[in-house]
Amino acid sequence: MPMHICLDDIVLLRKPHPCGSYQWRVVRVGADIGLRCLKCNHRVLLPRRKFERSVKKIISHGGSEQLSNESSNSSQRGSGLQ
């Protein structure tokens, strides 16, 4: 089963980037996962299978928080218009 990854998630990888950072932000989700290093802003593209093996921990979920906020805001906006 594929790992649940959203845009703007912060992940901790097993091996450090040459700049020394272990933390990456997810910038693309699909068959390939796009990552941006949080220290030097270098961008890499990994196949999903390789990405899932190299993830040690998901530090924060950026996409799920935005979705819940958007749905609560849209329900508030909809009730005010009627």
Protein backbone atom coordinates (compact mmCIF):
# COMPACT_ATOMS: atom_id res chain seq x y z
CA MET A 1 0.00 0.00 0.00
CA PRO A 2 1.44 3.43 -0.94
CA MET A 3 2.42 5.87 1.78
CA HIS A 4 0.05 8.84 2.24
CA ILE A 5 2.06 11.90 1.15
CA CYS A 6 0.70 15.41 0.51
CA LEU A 7 2.23 18.57 -0.87
CA ASP A 8 4.20 20.61 1.67
CA ASP A 9 4.78 17.62 3.99
CA ILE A 10 8.15 17.79 5.76
CA VAL A 11 9.96 14.43 5.77
CA LEU A 12 13.13 13.16 7.42
CA LEU A 13 15.22 10.92 5.16
CA ARG A 14 17.64 8.20 6.26
CA LYS A 15 20.71 9.63 4.50
CA PRO A 16 21.78 13.27 4.71
CA HIS A 17 22.00 15.58 1.72
CA PRO A 18 25.61 16.71 1.00
CA CYS A 19 24.76 20.06 2.64
CA GLY A 20 24.14 18.15 5.91
CA SER A 21 20.35 18.41 6.14
CA TYR A 22 18.02 15.44 6.65
CA GLN A 23 14.79 17.44 6.22
CA TRP A 24 12.97 17.81 2.90
CA ARG A 25 9.68 19.44 1.76
CA VAL A 26 7.45 17.53 -0.68
CA VAL A 27 6.87 19.71 -3.77
CA ARG A 28 5.45 17.12 -6.21
CA VAL A 29 3.32 14.02 -5.67
CA GLY A 30 2.65 11.29 -8.22
CA ALA A 31 4.55 8.31 -9.58
CA ASP A 32 7.65 10.37 -8.76
CA ILE A 33 8.03 12.45 -5.60
CA GLY A 34 9.63 15.89 -5.88
CA LEU A 35 11.60 17.04 -2.84
CA ARG A 36 13.26 20.34 -1.92
CA CYS A 37 16.04 20.43 0.69
CA LEU A 38 15.10 22.77 3.54
CA LYS A 39 18.70 23.92 4.07
CA CYS A 40 20.03 24.61 0.54
CA ASN A 41 16.77 24.52 -1.54
CA HIS A 42 18.19 21.88 -3.92
CA ARG A 43 15.41 20.00 -5.71
CA VAL A 44 15.43 16.27 -6.49
CA LEU A 45 12.94 13.87 -8.06
CA LEU A 46 12.72 10.31 -6.69
CA PRO A 47 10.63 7.37 -7.85
CA ARG A 48 7.87 6.73 -5.29
CA ARG A 49 9.23 3.28 -4.37
CA LYS A 50 12.74 4.62 -3.62
CA PHE A 51 11.26 7.58 -1.72
CA GLU A 52 9.11 5.33 0.51
CA ARG A 53 12.14 3.18 1.39
CA SER A 54 14.28 6.21 2.27
CA VAL A 55 11.74 8.04 4.49
CA LYS A 56 12.55 7.69 8.16
CA LYS A 57 9.78 9.90 9.55
CA ILE A 58 7.10 12.36 8.44
CA ILE A 59 7.72 15.45 10.58
CA SER A 60 4.64 17.47 9.59
CA HIS A 61 1.68 17.09 7.25
CA GLY A 62 1.28 20.32 5.28
CA GLY A 63 -1.49 19.26 2.87
CA SER A 64 -3.93 17.67 5.34
CA GLU A 65 -4.06 20.77 7.55
CA GLN A 66 -4.81 22.99 4.55
CA LEU A 67 -7.61 20.71 3.35
CA SER A 68 -9.35 20.69 6.72
CA ASN A 69 -9.09 24.49 6.99
CA GLU A 70 -10.45 24.99 3.46
CA SER A 71 -13.43 22.72 4.06
CA SER A 72 -14.34 24.49 7.31
CA ASN A 73 -13.98 27.92 5.64
CA SER A 74 -16.14 26.90 2.67
CA SER A 75 -18.89 25.62 4.97
CA GLN A 76 -18.83 28.92 6.88
CA ARG A 77 -18.98 30.92 3.64
CA GLY A 78 -21.84 28.81 2.30
CA SER A 79 -23.98 29.30 5.41
CA GLY A 80 -23.53 33.09 5.29
CA LEU A 81 -24.82 33.39 1.73
CA GLN A 82 -28.21 31.78 2.36
